[in-house]
């Protein structure tokens, strides 16, 4: 941590203590996680989650964990389906492992609350 960052953190910690809060530096996120989140963030806008029938079908298809590419192909033309799939991953309606490796065509995807994922 450079001196300017240390001073900024010290000032933030002081301000937090003044109002009864705690301040803790949690460190840097894992690079693989950040790369996956950066990719998904491109699909964060609500328009990426449309058309609604595609989103609904993706939620049906991924009730059973399956590969990203295979599941998208079951829903329709991947060029139209993948943006919706990525939006659902961003929003948390679909899940995948964002830490274990970069997302790939064979990355397992499943619906939120799926018993398998627990």
PDB file of N, CA and C in Angstrom:
ATOM      1  N   UNK A   1       0.855  -1.170   0.000  1.00  0.00           N
ATOM      2  CA  UNK A   1       0.000   0.000   0.000  1.00  0.00           C
ATOM      3  C   UNK A   1       0.902   1.234   0.000  1.00  0.00           C
ATOM      4  N   UNK A   2       0.661   2.145  -0.931  1.00  0.00           N
ATOM      5  CA  UNK A   2       1.494   3.346  -0.995  1.00  0.00           C
ATOM      6  C   UNK A   2       1.055   4.355   0.076  1.00  0.00           C
ATOM      7  N   UNK A   3       1.863   5.384   0.257  1.00  0.00           N
ATOM      8  CA  UNK A   3       1.630   6.365   1.321  1.00  0.00           C
ATOM      9  C   UNK A   3       0.298   7.107   1.152  1.00  0.00           C
ATOM     10  N   UNK A   4      -0.047   7.498  -0.066  1.00  0.00           N
ATOM     11  CA  UNK A   4      -1.305   8.221  -0.303  1.00  0.00           C
ATOM     12  C   UNK A   4      -2.511   7.345   0.052  1.00  0.00           C
ATOM     13  N   UNK A   5      -2.435   6.077  -0.292  1.00  0.00           N
ATOM     14  CA  UNK A   5      -3.524   5.148   0.036  1.00  0.00           C
ATOM     15  C   UNK A   5      -3.619   4.960   1.540  1.00  0.00           C
ATOM     16  N   UNK A   6      -2.480   4.818   2.187  1.00  0.00           N
ATOM     17  CA  UNK A   6      -2.460   4.643   3.644  1.00  0.00           C
ATOM     18  C   UNK A   6      -3.080   5.868   4.334  1.00  0.00           C
ATOM     19  N   UNK A   7      -2.730   7.067   3.861  1.00  0.00           N
ATOM     20  CA  UNK A   7      -3.303   8.288   4.444  1.00  0.00           C
ATOM     21  C   UNK A   7      -4.815   8.350   4.227  1.00  0.00           C
ATOM     22  N   UNK A   8      -5.258   7.962   3.042  1.00  0.00           N
ATOM     23  CA  UNK A   8      -6.701   7.963   2.752  1.00  0.00           C
ATOM     24  C   UNK A   8      -7.429   6.969   3.653  1.00  0.00           C
ATOM     25  N   UNK A   9      -6.848   5.800   3.856  1.00  0.00           N
ATOM     26  CA  UNK A   9      -7.469   4.807   4.726  1.00  0.00           C
ATOM     27  C   UNK A   9      -7.478   5.284   6.174  1.00  0.00           C
ATOM     28  N   UNK A  10      -6.386   5.907   6.617  1.00  0.00           N
ATOM     29  CA  UNK A  10      -6.342   6.435   7.986  1.00  0.00           C
ATOM     30  C   UNK A  10      -7.424   7.492   8.197  1.00  0.00           C
ATOM     31  N   UNK A  11      -7.590   8.399   7.219  1.00  0.00           N
ATOM     32  CA  UNK A  11      -8.610   9.442   7.322  1.00  0.00           C
ATOM     33  C   UNK A  11     -10.013   8.830   7.332  1.00  0.00           C
ATOM     34  N   UNK A  12     -10.223   7.829   6.499  1.00  0.00           N
ATOM     35  CA  UNK A  12     -11.524   7.156   6.460  1.00  0.00           C
ATOM     36  C   UNK A  12     -11.797   6.451   7.782  1.00  0.00           C
ATOM     37  N   UNK A  13     -10.788   5.786   8.319  1.00  0.00           N
ATOM     38  CA  UNK A  13     -10.938   5.114   9.612  1.00  0.00           C
ATOM     39  C   UNK A  13     -11.269   6.098  10.727  1.00  0.00           C
ATOM     40  N   UNK A  14     -10.607   7.230  10.718  1.00  0.00           N
ATOM     41  CA  UNK A  14     -10.867   8.268  11.724  1.00  0.00           C
ATOM     42  C   UNK A  14     -12.306   8.774  11.604  1.00  0.00           C
ATOM     43  N   UNK A  15     -12.754   9.060  10.392  1.00  0.00           N
ATOM     44  CA  UNK A  15     -14.127   9.546  10.174  1.00  0.00           C
ATOM     45  C   UNK A  15     -15.150   8.501  10.607  1.00  0.00           C
ATOM     46  N   UNK A  16     -14.879   7.252  10.321  1.00  0.00           N
ATOM     47  CA  UNK A  16     -15.801   6.185  10.720  1.00  0.00           C
ATOM     48  C   UNK A  16     -15.895   6.074  12.241  1.00  0.00           C
ATOM     49  N   UNK A  17     -14.753   6.100  12.913  1.00  0.00           N
ATOM     50  CA  UNK A  17     -14.759   6.018  14.385  1.00  0.00           C
ATOM     51  C   UNK A  17     -15.503   7.199  15.005  1.00  0.00           C
ATOM     52  N   UNK A  18     -15.411   8.370  14.371  1.00  0.00           N
ATOM     53  CA  UNK A  18     -16.069   9.568  14.894  1.00  0.00           C
ATOM     54  C   UNK A  18     -17.585   9.420  14.932  1.00  0.00           C
ATOM     55  N   UNK A  19     -18.141   8.601  14.064  1.00  0.00           N
ATOM     56  CA  UNK A  19     -19.602   8.401  14.059  1.00  0.00           C
ATOM     57  C   UNK A  19     -19.995   7.027  14.585  1.00  0.00           C
ATOM     58  N   UNK A  20     -19.035   6.321  15.195  1.00  0.00           N
ATOM     59  CA  UNK A  20     -19.333   5.038  15.816  1.00  0.00           C
ATOM     60  C   UNK A  20     -19.295   3.842  14.879  1.00  0.00           C
ATOM     61  N   UNK A  21     -18.723   4.009  13.694  1.00  0.00           N
ATOM     62  CA  UNK A  21     -18.615   2.911  12.749  1.00  0.00           C
ATOM     63  C   UNK A  21     -17.240   2.279  12.844  1.00  0.00           C
ATOM     64  N   UNK A  22     -17.123   1.093  12.270  1.00  0.00           N
ATOM     65  CA  UNK A  22     -15.834   0.428  12.153  1.00  0.00           C
ATOM     66  C   UNK A  22     -15.408   0.474  10.690  1.00  0.00           C
ATOM     67  N   UNK A  23     -14.115   0.578  10.468  1.00  0.00           N
ATOM     68  CA  UNK A  23     -13.571   0.572   9.113  1.00  0.00           C
ATOM     69  C   UNK A  23     -12.517  -0.512   9.045  1.00  0.00           C
ATOM     70  N   UNK A  24     -12.617  -1.347   8.016  1.00  0.00           N
ATOM     71  CA  UNK A  24     -11.653  -2.426   7.860  1.00  0.00           C
ATOM     72  C   UNK A  24     -11.307  -2.577   6.384  1.00  0.00           C
ATOM     73  N   UNK A  25     -10.033  -2.640   6.085  1.00  0.00           N
ATOM     74  CA  UNK A  25      -9.595  -2.906   4.730  1.00  0.00           C
ATOM     75  C   UNK A  25      -9.653  -4.409   4.511  1.00  0.00           C
ATOM     76  N   UNK A  26     -10.449  -4.823   3.546  1.00  0.00           N
ATOM     77  CA  UNK A  26     -10.670  -6.248   3.323  1.00  0.00           C
ATOM     78  C   UNK A  26      -9.678  -6.858   2.341  1.00  0.00           C
ATOM     79  N   UNK A  27      -8.868  -6.053   1.716  1.00  0.00           N
ATOM     80  CA  UNK A  27      -7.899  -6.576   0.759  1.00  0.00           C
ATOM     81  C   UNK A  27      -8.415  -6.501  -0.662  1.00  0.00           C
ATOM     82  N   UNK A  28      -7.698  -7.153  -1.539  1.00  0.00           N
ATOM     83  CA  UNK A  28      -8.056  -7.133  -2.961  1.00  0.00           C
ATOM     84  C   UNK A  28      -8.864  -8.374  -3.312  1.00  0.00           C
ATOM     85  N   UNK A  29      -9.887  -8.218  -4.163  1.00  0.00           N
ATOM     86  CA  UNK A  29     -10.637  -9.398  -4.616  1.00  0.00           C
ATOM     87  C   UNK A  29      -9.761 -10.276  -5.509  1.00  0.00           C
ATOM     88  N   UNK A  30     -10.126 -11.527  -5.601  1.00  0.00           N
ATOM     89  CA  UNK A  30      -9.404 -12.475  -6.455  1.00  0.00           C
ATOM     90  C   UNK A  30      -9.478 -12.012  -7.921  1.00  0.00           C
ATOM     91  N   UNK A  31      -8.383 -12.086  -8.656  1.00  0.00           N
ATOM     92  CA  UNK A  31      -8.370 -11.630 -10.048  1.00  0.00           C
ATOM     93  C   UNK A  31      -9.368 -12.374 -10.952  1.00  0.00           C
ATOM     94  N   UNK A  32      -9.524 -13.681 -10.756  1.00  0.00           N
ATOM     95  CA  UNK A  32     -10.456 -14.446 -11.587  1.00  0.00           C
ATOM     96  C   UNK A  32     -11.883 -13.977 -11.315  1.00  0.00           C
ATOM     97  N   UNK A  33     -12.221 -13.804 -10.046  1.00  0.00           N
ATOM     98  CA  UNK A  33     -13.544 -13.304  -9.681  1.00  0.00           C
ATOM     99  C   UNK A  33     -13.800 -11.949 -10.331  1.00  0.00           C
ATOM    100  N   UNK A  34     -12.831 -11.046 -10.236  1.00  0.00           N
ATOM    101  CA  UNK A  34     -13.001  -9.709 -10.799  1.00  0.00           C
ATOM    102  C   UNK A  34     -13.149  -9.751 -12.323  1.00  0.00           C
ATOM    103  N   UNK A  35     -12.410 -10.624 -12.982  1.00  0.00           N
ATOM    104  CA  UNK A  35     -12.529 -10.738 -14.443  1.00  0.00           C
ATOM    105  C   UNK A  35     -13.932 -11.221 -14.825  1.00  0.00           C
ATOM    106  N   UNK A  36     -14.450 -12.206 -14.091  1.00  0.00           N
ATOM    107  CA  UNK A  36     -15.794 -12.698 -14.374  1.00  0.00           C
ATOM    108  C   UNK A  36     -16.852 -11.634 -14.097  1.00  0.00           C
ATOM    109  N   UNK A  37     -16.704 -10.908 -13.007  1.00  0.00           N
ATOM    110  CA  UNK A  37     -17.671  -9.859 -12.673  1.00  0.00           C
ATOM    111  C   UNK A  37     -17.604  -8.728 -13.692  1.00  0.00           C
ATOM    112  N   UNK A  38     -16.408  -8.378 -14.128  1.00  0.00           N
ATOM    113  CA  UNK A  38     -16.274  -7.337 -15.162  1.00  0.00           C
ATOM    114  C   UNK A  38     -16.996  -7.756 -16.443  1.00  0.00           C
ATOM    115  N   UNK A  39     -16.835  -9.020 -16.814  1.00  0.00           N
ATOM    116  CA  UNK A  39     -17.516  -9.519 -18.013  1.00  0.00           C
ATOM    117  C   UNK A  39     -19.033  -9.410 -17.839  1.00  0.00           C
ATOM    118  N   UNK A  40     -19.543  -9.917 -16.732  1.00  0.00           N
ATOM    119  CA  UNK A  40     -20.986  -9.903 -16.510  1.00  0.00           C
ATOM    120  C   UNK A  40     -21.541  -8.489 -16.371  1.00  0.00           C
ATOM    121  N   UNK A  41     -20.742  -7.569 -15.871  1.00  0.00           N
ATOM    122  CA  UNK A  41     -21.232  -6.200 -15.670  1.00  0.00           C
ATOM    123  C   UNK A  41     -21.650  -5.547 -16.985  1.00  0.00           C
ATOM    124  N   UNK A  42     -21.140  -6.034 -18.075  1.00  0.00           N
ATOM    125  CA  UNK A  42     -21.534  -5.504 -19.388  1.00  0.00           C
ATOM    126  C   UNK A  42     -23.004  -5.784 -19.687  1.00  0.00           C
ATOM    127  N   UNK A  43     -23.567  -6.732 -18.959  1.00  0.00           N
ATOM    128  CA  UNK A  43     -24.953  -7.164 -19.182  1.00  0.00           C
ATOM    129  C   UNK A  43     -25.861  -6.778 -18.022  1.00  0.00           C
ATOM    130  N   UNK A  44     -25.486  -5.772 -17.260  1.00  0.00           N
ATOM    131  CA  UNK A  44     -26.236  -5.402 -16.063  1.00  0.00           C
ATOM    132  C   UNK A  44     -27.522  -4.641 -16.363  1.00  0.00           C
ATOM    133  N   UNK A  45     -27.607  -4.012 -17.498  1.00  0.00           N
ATOM    134  CA  UNK A  45     -28.791  -3.214 -17.829  1.00  0.00           C
ATOM    135  C   UNK A  45     -30.006  -4.103 -18.057  1.00  0.00           C
ATOM    136  N   UNK A  46     -31.174  -3.607 -17.646  1.00  0.00           N
ATOM    137  CA  UNK A  46     -32.414  -4.382 -17.742  1.00  0.00           C
ATOM    138  C   UNK A  46     -32.700  -4.817 -19.177  1.00  0.00           C
ATOM    139  N   UNK A  47     -32.323  -4.004 -20.141  1.00  0.00           N
ATOM    140  CA  UNK A  47     -32.610  -4.347 -21.543  1.00  0.00           C
ATOM    141  C   UNK A  47     -31.932  -5.651 -21.964  1.00  0.00           C
ATOM    142  N   UNK A  48     -30.854  -6.012 -21.295  1.00  0.00           N
ATOM    143  CA  UNK A  48     -30.154  -7.255 -21.629  1.00  0.00           C
ATOM    144  C   UNK A  48     -30.942  -8.480 -21.182  1.00  0.00           C
ATOM    145  N   UNK A  49     -31.882  -8.295 -20.278  1.00  0.00           N
ATOM    146  CA  UNK A  49     -32.684  -9.408 -19.778  1.00  0.00           C
ATOM    147  C   UNK A  49     -33.915  -9.693 -20.617  1.00  0.00           C
ATOM    148  N   UNK A  50     -34.016  -9.066 -21.773  1.00  0.00           N
ATOM    149  CA  UNK A  50     -35.183  -9.248 -22.638  1.00  0.00           C
ATOM    150  C   UNK A  50     -34.767  -9.966 -23.914  1.00  0.00           C
ATOM    151  N   UNK A  51     -35.678 -10.664 -24.515  1.00  0.00           N
ATOM    152  CA  UNK A  51     -37.101 -10.757 -24.237  1.00  0.00           C
ATOM    153  C   UNK A  51     -37.405 -11.678 -23.056  1.00  0.00           C
ATOM    154  N   UNK A  52     -38.480 -11.363 -22.358  1.00  0.00           N
ATOM    155  CA  UNK A  52     -38.867 -12.108 -21.156  1.00  0.00           C
ATOM    156  C   UNK A  52     -39.070 -13.600 -21.414  1.00  0.00           C
ATOM    157  N   UNK A  53     -39.655 -14.009 -22.539  1.00  0.00           N
ATOM    158  CA  UNK A  53     -39.804 -15.458 -22.761  1.00  0.00           C
ATOM    159  C   UNK A  53     -38.458 -16.192 -22.812  1.00  0.00           C
ATOM    160  N   UNK A  54     -37.419 -15.532 -23.313  1.00  0.00           N
ATOM    161  CA  UNK A  54     -36.086 -16.148 -23.343  1.00  0.00           C
ATOM    162  C   UNK A  54     -35.570 -16.298 -21.913  1.00  0.00           C
ATOM    163  N   UNK A  55     -35.738 -15.267 -21.098  1.00  0.00           N
ATOM    164  CA  UNK A  55     -35.305 -15.334 -19.697  1.00  0.00           C
ATOM    165  C   UNK A  55     -36.048 -16.447 -18.965  1.00  0.00           C
ATOM    166  N   UNK A  56     -37.353 -16.531 -19.172  1.00  0.00           N
ATOM    167  CA  UNK A  56     -38.150 -17.581 -18.517  1.00  0.00           C
ATOM    168  C   UNK A  56     -37.676 -18.965 -18.929  1.00  0.00           C
ATOM    169  N   UNK A  57     -37.403 -19.137 -20.213  1.00  0.00           N
ATOM    170  CA  UNK A  57     -36.945 -20.445 -20.710  1.00  0.00           C
ATOM    171  C   UNK A  57     -35.565 -20.795 -20.145  1.00  0.00           C
ATOM    172  N   UNK A  58     -34.687 -19.804 -20.037  1.00  0.00           N
ATOM    173  CA  UNK A  58     -33.368 -20.065 -19.445  1.00  0.00           C
ATOM    174  C   UNK A  58     -33.503 -20.530 -18.001  1.00  0.00           C
ATOM    175  N   UNK A  59     -34.393 -19.911 -17.256  1.00  0.00           N
ATOM    176  CA  UNK A  59     -34.599 -20.324 -15.865  1.00  0.00           C
ATOM    177  C   UNK A  59     -35.123 -21.762 -15.800  1.00  0.00           C
ATOM    178  N   UNK A  60     -35.935 -22.156 -16.762  1.00  0.00           N
ATOM    179  CA  UNK A  60     -36.413 -23.543 -16.826  1.00  0.00           C
ATOM    180  C   UNK A  60     -35.270 -24.501 -17.149  1.00  0.00           C
ATOM    181  N   UNK A  61     -34.512 -24.169 -18.197  1.00  0.00           N
ATOM    182  CA  UNK A  61     -33.447 -25.048 -18.685  1.00  0.00           C
ATOM    183  C   UNK A  61     -32.394 -25.280 -17.611  1.00  0.00           C
ATOM    184  N   UNK A  62     -32.067 -24.243 -16.840  1.00  0.00           N
ATOM    185  CA  UNK A  62     -30.981 -24.370 -15.864  1.00  0.00           C
ATOM    186  C   UNK A  62     -31.458 -24.797 -14.476  1.00  0.00           C
ATOM    187  N   UNK A  63     -32.699 -25.285 -14.387  1.00  0.00           N
ATOM    188  CA  UNK A  63     -33.118 -25.908 -13.121  1.00  0.00           C
ATOM    189  C   UNK A  63     -32.228 -27.101 -12.816  1.00  0.00           C
ATOM    190  N   UNK A  64     -31.813 -27.783 -13.883  1.00  0.00           N
ATOM    191  CA  UNK A  64     -30.806 -28.834 -13.778  1.00  0.00           C
ATOM    192  C   UNK A  64     -29.477 -28.222 -14.174  1.00  0.00           C
ATOM    193  N   UNK A  65     -28.454 -28.319 -13.346  1.00  0.00           N
ATOM    194  CA  UNK A  65     -27.152 -27.746 -13.711  1.00  0.00           C
ATOM    195  C   UNK A  65     -26.665 -28.317 -15.038  1.00  0.00           C
ATOM    196  N   UNK A  66     -26.211 -27.424 -15.893  1.00  0.00           N
ATOM    197  CA  UNK A  66     -25.667 -27.844 -17.187  1.00  0.00           C
ATOM    198  C   UNK A  66     -24.683 -26.799 -17.681  1.00  0.00           C
ATOM    199  N   UNK A  67     -23.939 -27.151 -18.689  1.00  0.00           N
ATOM    200  CA  UNK A  67     -22.964 -26.237 -19.266  1.00  0.00           C
ATOM    201  C   UNK A  67     -23.629 -25.017 -19.881  1.00  0.00           C
ATOM    202  N   UNK A  68     -22.970 -23.883 -19.753  1.00  0.00           N
ATOM    203  CA  UNK A  68     -23.478 -22.605 -20.241  1.00  0.00           C
ATOM    204  C   UNK A  68     -23.851 -22.687 -21.727  1.00  0.00           C
ATOM    205  N   UNK A  69     -22.960 -23.177 -22.541  1.00  0.00           N
ATOM    206  CA  UNK A  69     -23.154 -23.213 -23.991  1.00  0.00           C
ATOM    207  C   UNK A  69     -24.290 -24.164 -24.368  1.00  0.00           C
ATOM    208  N   UNK A  70     -24.295 -25.347 -23.747  1.00  0.00           N
ATOM    209  CA  UNK A  70     -25.337 -26.333 -24.054  1.00  0.00           C
ATOM    210  C   UNK A  70     -26.717 -25.813 -23.660  1.00  0.00           C
ATOM    211  N   UNK A  71     -26.820 -25.223 -22.474  1.00  0.00           N
ATOM    212  CA  UNK A  71     -28.098 -24.696 -22.012  1.00  0.00           C
ATOM    213  C   UNK A  71     -28.600 -23.568 -22.899  1.00  0.00           C
ATOM    214  N   UNK A  72     -27.701 -22.677 -23.292  1.00  0.00           N
ATOM    215  CA  UNK A  72     -28.096 -21.573 -24.179  1.00  0.00           C
ATOM    216  C   UNK A  72     -28.608 -22.124 -25.508  1.00  0.00           C
ATOM    217  N   UNK A  73     -27.971 -23.166 -26.029  1.00  0.00           N
ATOM    218  CA  UNK A  73     -28.389 -23.765 -27.288  1.00  0.00           C
ATOM    219  C   UNK A  73     -29.765 -24.402 -27.215  1.00  0.00           C
ATOM    220  N   UNK A  74     -30.148 -24.884 -26.035  1.00  0.00           N
ATOM    221  CA  UNK A  74     -31.476 -25.477 -25.874  1.00  0.00           C
ATOM    222  C   UNK A  74     -32.580 -24.427 -25.932  1.00  0.00           C
ATOM    223  N   UNK A  75     -32.226 -23.185 -25.656  1.00  0.00           N
ATOM    224  CA  UNK A  75     -33.219 -22.109 -25.620  1.00  0.00           C
ATOM    225  C   UNK A  75     -33.420 -21.487 -26.997  1.00  0.00           C
ATOM    226  N   UNK A  76     -32.363 -21.405 -27.782  1.00  0.00           N
ATOM    227  CA  UNK A  76     -32.502 -20.803 -29.111  1.00  0.00           C
ATOM    228  C   UNK A  76     -31.160 -20.387 -29.676  1.00  0.00           C
ATOM    229  N   UNK A  77     -31.200 -19.424 -30.578  1.00  0.00           N
ATOM    230  CA  UNK A  77     -29.994 -18.896 -31.212  1.00  0.00           C
ATOM    231  C   UNK A  77     -29.104 -18.273 -30.142  1.00  0.00           C
ATOM    232  N   UNK A  78     -27.913 -18.814 -29.985  1.00  0.00           N
ATOM    233  CA  UNK A  78     -27.025 -18.374 -28.907  1.00  0.00           C
ATOM    234  C   UNK A  78     -26.714 -16.876 -28.972  1.00  0.00           C
ATOM    235  N   UNK A  79     -26.641 -16.300 -30.181  1.00  0.00           N
ATOM    236  CA  UNK A  79     -26.367 -14.861 -30.288  1.00  0.00           C
ATOM    237  C   UNK A  79     -27.464 -14.039 -29.617  1.00  0.00           C
ATOM    238  N   UNK A  80     -28.680 -14.541 -29.618  1.00  0.00           N
ATOM    239  CA  UNK A  80     -29.777 -13.842 -28.968  1.00  0.00           C
ATOM    240  C   UNK A  80     -29.934 -14.254 -27.509  1.00  0.00           C
ATOM    241  N   UNK A  81     -29.567 -15.463 -27.187  1.00  0.00           N
ATOM    242  CA  UNK A  81     -29.794 -16.016 -25.851  1.00  0.00           C
ATOM    243  C   UNK A  81     -28.696 -15.620 -24.856  1.00  0.00           C
ATOM    244  N   UNK A  82     -27.442 -15.602 -25.295  1.00  0.00           N
ATOM    245  CA  UNK A  82     -26.332 -15.363 -24.358  1.00  0.00           C
ATOM    246  C   UNK A  82     -26.420 -14.027 -23.615  1.00  0.00           C
ATOM    247  N   UNK A  83     -26.783 -12.911 -24.241  1.00  0.00           N
ATOM    248  CA  UNK A  83     -26.908 -11.680 -23.458  1.00  0.00           C
ATOM    249  C   UNK A  83     -27.932 -11.801 -22.323  1.00  0.00           C
ATOM    250  N   UNK A  84     -29.020 -12.505 -22.584  1.00  0.00           N
ATOM    251  CA  UNK A  84     -30.040 -12.700 -21.551  1.00  0.00           C
ATOM    252  C   UNK A  84     -29.478 -13.593 -20.446  1.00  0.00           C
ATOM    253  N   UNK A  85     -28.777 -14.651 -20.833  1.00  0.00           N
ATOM    254  CA  UNK A  85     -28.160 -15.554 -19.858  1.00  0.00           C
ATOM    255  C   UNK A  85     -27.164 -14.787 -18.976  1.00  0.00           C
ATOM    256  N   UNK A  86     -26.314 -13.971 -19.583  1.00  0.00           N
ATOM    257  CA  UNK A  86     -25.337 -13.202 -18.808  1.00  0.00           C
ATOM    258  C   UNK A  86     -26.030 -12.203 -17.880  1.00  0.00           C
ATOM    259  N   UNK A  87     -27.127 -11.624 -18.337  1.00  0.00           N
ATOM    260  CA  UNK A  87     -27.886 -10.713 -17.471  1.00  0.00           C
ATOM    261  C   UNK A  87     -28.443 -11.470 -16.261  1.00  0.00           C
ATOM    262  N   UNK A  88     -28.954 -12.664 -16.485  1.00  0.00           N
ATOM    263  CA  UNK A  88     -29.488 -13.456 -15.377  1.00  0.00           C
ATOM    264  C   UNK A  88     -28.378 -13.867 -14.408  1.00  0.00           C
ATOM    265  N   UNK A  89     -27.180 -14.117 -14.922  1.00  0.00           N
ATOM    266  CA  UNK A  89     -26.040 -14.394 -14.034  1.00  0.00           C
ATOM    267  C   UNK A  89     -25.690 -13.142 -13.237  1.00  0.00           C
ATOM    268  N   UNK A  90     -25.663 -11.996 -13.897  1.00  0.00           N
ATOM    269  CA  UNK A  90     -25.356 -10.736 -13.208  1.00  0.00           C
ATOM    270  C   UNK A  90     -26.362 -10.466 -12.098  1.00  0.00           C
ATOM    271  N   UNK A  91     -27.640 -10.676 -12.398  1.00  0.00           N
ATOM    272  CA  UNK A  91     -28.695 -10.355 -11.431  1.00  0.00           C
ATOM    273  C   UNK A  91     -28.806 -11.383 -10.311  1.00  0.00           C
ATOM    274  N   UNK A  92     -28.187 -12.546 -10.475  1.00  0.00           N
ATOM    275  CA  UNK A  92     -28.238 -13.573  -9.447  1.00  0.00           C
ATOM    276  C   UNK A  92     -29.355 -14.584  -9.628  1.00  0.00           C
ATOM    277  N   UNK A  93     -30.174 -14.428 -10.667  1.00  0.00           N
ATOM    278  CA  UNK A  93     -31.245 -15.392 -10.926  1.00  0.00           C
ATOM    279  C   UNK A  93     -30.665 -16.736 -11.371  1.00  0.00           C
ATOM    280  N   UNK A  94     -29.515 -16.692 -12.044  1.00  0.00           N
ATOM    281  CA  UNK A  94     -28.750 -17.890 -12.373  1.00  0.00           C
ATOM    282  C   UNK A  94     -27.421 -17.807 -11.640  1.00  0.00           C
ATOM    283  N   UNK A  95     -26.841 -18.947 -11.354  1.00  0.00           N
ATOM    284  CA  UNK A  95     -25.576 -19.019 -10.624  1.00  0.00           C
ATOM    285  C   UNK A  95     -24.534 -19.786 -11.424  1.00  0.00           C
ATOM    286  N   UNK A  96     -23.278 -19.446 -11.178  1.00  0.00           N
ATOM    287  CA  UNK A  96     -22.135 -20.186 -11.695  1.00  0.00           C
ATOM    288  C   UNK A  96     -20.964 -19.916 -10.757  1.00  0.00           C
ATOM    289  N   UNK A  97     -19.911 -20.690 -10.880  1.00  0.00           N
ATOM    290  CA  UNK A  97     -18.713 -20.475 -10.064  1.00  0.00           C
ATOM    291  C   UNK A  97     -17.908 -19.337 -10.675  1.00  0.00           C
ATOM    292  N   UNK A  98     -17.867 -18.213  -9.986  1.00  0.00           N
ATOM    293  CA  UNK A  98     -17.136 -17.044 -10.487  1.00  0.00           C
ATOM    294  C   UNK A  98     -15.703 -16.997  -9.974  1.00  0.00           C
ATOM    295  N   UNK A  99     -15.335 -17.911  -9.073  1.00  0.00           N
ATOM    296  CA  UNK A  99     -14.022 -17.865  -8.438  1.00  0.00           C
ATOM    297  C   UNK A  99     -13.083 -18.958  -8.960  1.00  0.00           C
ATOM    298  N   UNK A 100     -13.631 -20.121  -9.280  1.00  0.00           N
ATOM    299  CA  UNK A 100     -12.812 -21.279  -9.627  1.00  0.00           C
ATOM    300  C   UNK A 100     -12.089 -21.186 -10.951  1.00  0.00           C
ATOM    301  N   UNK A 101     -12.551 -20.334 -11.839  1.00  0.00           N
ATOM    302  CA  UNK A 101     -11.924 -20.177 -13.148  1.00  0.00           C
ATOM    303  C   UNK A 101     -12.716 -19.188 -13.977  1.00  0.00           C
ATOM    304  N   UNK A 102     -12.127 -18.766 -15.076  1.00  0.00           N
ATOM    305  CA  UNK A 102     -12.843 -17.868 -15.970  1.00  0.00           C
ATOM    306  C   UNK A 102     -14.041 -18.601 -16.564  1.00  0.00           C
ATOM    307  N   UNK A 103     -15.150 -17.902 -16.734  1.00  0.00           N
ATOM    308  CA  UNK A 103     -16.318 -18.515 -17.339  1.00  0.00           C
ATOM    309  C   UNK A 103     -15.974 -18.972 -18.744  1.00  0.00           C
ATOM    310  N   UNK A 104     -16.418 -20.178 -19.058  1.00  0.00           N
ATOM    311  CA  UNK A 104     -16.185 -20.758 -20.373  1.00  0.00           C
ATOM    312  C   UNK A 104     -17.460 -21.418 -20.852  1.00  0.00           C
ATOM    313  N   UNK A 105     -17.425 -21.947 -22.042  1.00  0.00           N
ATOM    314  CA  UNK A 105     -18.621 -22.564 -22.609  1.00  0.00           C
ATOM    315  C   UNK A 105     -19.120 -23.741 -21.782  1.00  0.00           C
ATOM    316  N   UNK A 106     -18.215 -24.433 -21.090  1.00  0.00           N
ATOM    317  CA  UNK A 106     -18.636 -25.584 -20.300  1.00  0.00           C
ATOM    318  C   UNK A 106     -18.850 -25.265 -18.825  1.00  0.00           C
ATOM    319  N   UNK A 107     -18.809 -23.988 -18.442  1.00  0.00           N
ATOM    320  CA  UNK A 107     -19.057 -23.613 -17.045  1.00  0.00           C
ATOM    321  C   UNK A 107     -20.463 -24.042 -16.652  1.00  0.00           C
ATOM    322  N   UNK A 108     -20.573 -24.691 -15.494  1.00  0.00           N
ATOM    323  CA  UNK A 108     -21.884 -25.117 -15.009  1.00  0.00           C
ATOM    324  C   UNK A 108     -22.698 -23.906 -14.579  1.00  0.00           C
ATOM    325  N   UNK A 109     -23.968 -23.910 -14.960  1.00  0.00           N
ATOM    326  CA  UNK A 109     -24.911 -22.856 -14.598  1.00  0.00           C
ATOM    327  C   UNK A 109     -26.127 -23.537 -14.003  1.00  0.00           C
ATOM    328  N   UNK A 110     -26.709 -22.910 -12.979  1.00  0.00           N
ATOM    329  CA  UNK A 110     -27.895 -23.458 -12.333  1.00  0.00           C
ATOM    330  C   UNK A 110     -28.751 -22.314 -11.805  1.00  0.00           C
ATOM    331  N   UNK A 111     -29.998 -22.640 -11.463  1.00  0.00           N
ATOM    332  CA  UNK A 111     -30.895 -21.620 -10.944  1.00  0.00           C
ATOM    333  C   UNK A 111     -30.618 -21.370  -9.477  1.00  0.00           C
ATOM    334  N   UNK A 112     -30.915 -20.154  -9.070  1.00  0.00           N
ATOM    335  CA  UNK A 112     -30.794 -19.764  -7.664  1.00  0.00           C
ATOM    336  C   UNK A 112     -31.704 -20.662  -6.838  1.00  0.00           C
ATOM    337  N   UNK A 113     -31.215 -21.072  -5.679  1.00  0.00           N
ATOM    338  CA  UNK A 113     -32.016 -21.904  -4.794  1.00  0.00           C
ATOM    339  C   UNK A 113     -32.033 -23.368  -5.170  1.00  0.00           C
ATOM    340  N   UNK A 114     -31.287 -23.755  -6.193  1.00  0.00           N
ATOM    341  CA  UNK A 114     -31.224 -25.143  -6.596  1.00  0.00           C
ATOM    342  C   UNK A 114     -30.582 -25.957  -5.487  1.00  0.00           C
ATOM    343  N   UNK A 115     -31.205 -27.022  -5.097  1.00  0.00           N
ATOM    344  CA  UNK A 115     -30.682 -27.861  -4.011  1.00  0.00           C
ATOM    345  C   UNK A 115     -29.288 -28.374  -4.321  1.00  0.00           C
ATOM    346  N   UNK A 116     -28.998 -28.613  -5.619  1.00  0.00           N
ATOM    347  CA  UNK A 116     -27.684 -29.107  -6.008  1.00  0.00           C
ATOM    348  C   UNK A 116     -26.597 -28.127  -5.606  1.00  0.00           C
ATOM    349  N   UNK A 117     -26.884 -26.825  -5.758  1.00  0.00           N
ATOM    350  CA  UNK A 117     -25.877 -25.808  -5.515  1.00  0.00           C
ATOM    351  C   UNK A 117     -25.499 -25.724  -4.044  1.00  0.00           C
ATOM    352  N   UNK A 118     -26.385 -26.121  -3.159  1.00  0.00           N
ATOM    353  CA  UNK A 118     -26.085 -26.078  -1.733  1.00  0.00           C
ATOM    354  C   UNK A 118     -25.119 -27.181  -1.421  1.00  0.00           C
TER     355      UNK A 118
END
